[in-house]
Protein backbone atom coordinates (compact mmCIF):
# COMPACT_ATOMS: atom_id res chain seq x y z
CA MET A 1 0.03 0.16 -0.02
CA SER A 2 1.86 3.11 -0.68
CA GLY A 3 1.42 6.59 0.67
CA ASP A 4 -0.84 7.89 -1.73
CA ASN A 5 -4.07 7.20 -0.09
CA GLN A 6 -3.06 9.06 3.08
CA LYS A 7 -5.13 12.15 3.94
CA GLU A 8 -3.61 15.37 3.97
CA GLU A 9 -3.59 17.16 6.98
CA PHE A 10 -5.87 19.91 7.05
CA VAL A 11 -3.83 23.41 8.31
CA TYR A 12 -5.87 25.48 10.27
CA SER A 13 -6.00 29.27 10.41
CA PRO A 14 -3.52 30.54 13.55
CA CYS A 15 -6.13 33.62 14.28
CA LEU A 16 -6.14 34.14 17.86
CA GLY A 17 -8.83 36.70 17.50
CA VAL A 18 -6.68 39.64 18.58
CA CYS A 19 -6.09 41.24 15.57
CA VAL A 20 -3.51 44.30 15.74
CA ILE A 21 -1.75 45.20 12.68
CA ASP A 22 1.58 46.77 13.18
CA ASP A 23 3.46 49.53 10.96
CA ASP A 24 4.79 46.05 8.97
CA GLU A 25 1.68 45.16 7.95
CA MET A 26 1.87 41.90 10.39
CA CYS A 27 -0.37 40.92 12.93
CA ILE A 28 0.86 40.62 16.33
CA GLY A 29 -1.12 37.99 17.60
CA CYS A 30 -0.79 35.42 14.85
CA PHE A 31 2.29 36.58 12.93
CA ARG A 32 0.89 36.79 9.83
CA LEU A 33 1.22 39.61 7.26
CA LEU A 34 -2.37 41.12 6.19
CA THR A 35 -2.24 39.69 2.71
CA GLU A 36 -1.82 36.27 4.28
CA ILE A 37 -4.62 36.87 5.98
CA GLN A 38 -6.90 38.22 3.77
CA TRP A 39 -6.12 35.09 1.37
CA TRP A 40 -6.03 33.01 3.78
CA SER A 41 -8.77 30.75 2.59
CA THR A 42 -7.47 30.63 -1.43
CA PHE A 43 -4.42 29.10 0.06
CA ASP A 44 -3.88 25.41 -0.52
CA GLN A 45 -2.27 23.14 2.29
CA GLU A 46 1.24 23.28 1.23
CA GLU A 47 0.92 27.29 1.27
CA ARG A 48 -0.70 27.36 4.72
CA LYS A 49 2.08 25.10 6.21
CA HIS A 50 4.52 27.44 4.29
CA ILE A 51 2.87 30.76 6.31
CA ILE A 52 2.74 29.03 9.64
CA ASP A 53 6.51 28.35 9.26
CA ALA A 54 7.13 32.30 8.25
CA CYS A 55 4.77 32.94 11.25
CA ALA A 56 6.95 31.19 13.61
CA GLU A 57 9.99 32.87 12.42
CA ARG A 58 8.16 36.15 12.50
CA LYS A 59 7.37 35.84 16.37
CA LYS A 60 10.87 35.06 16.93
CA GLU A 61 12.41 38.00 15.42
CA TYR A 62 9.43 40.39 17.19
CA TRP A 63 10.00 39.10 20.67
CA LYS A 64 13.86 39.38 20.10
CA ASN A 65 13.56 42.76 18.82
CA ILE A 66 11.16 43.48 22.14
CA TYR A 67 13.63 42.55 24.34
CA LYS A 68 16.87 44.27 23.00
């Protein structure tokens, strides 16, 4: 049996419901860019995974810069 029959994991929105968009058009709740929030429903699962990874990096950078 091949792996082709496995269901792709659904990637949910990382929205926390505390949207605050900063000057760089990034939400400091979920760390998505405004365009990523606007177009989330149109992205496929692979694109969503990429965005989630990018959000994790943005979050690290954000907090690193806050506590300089």
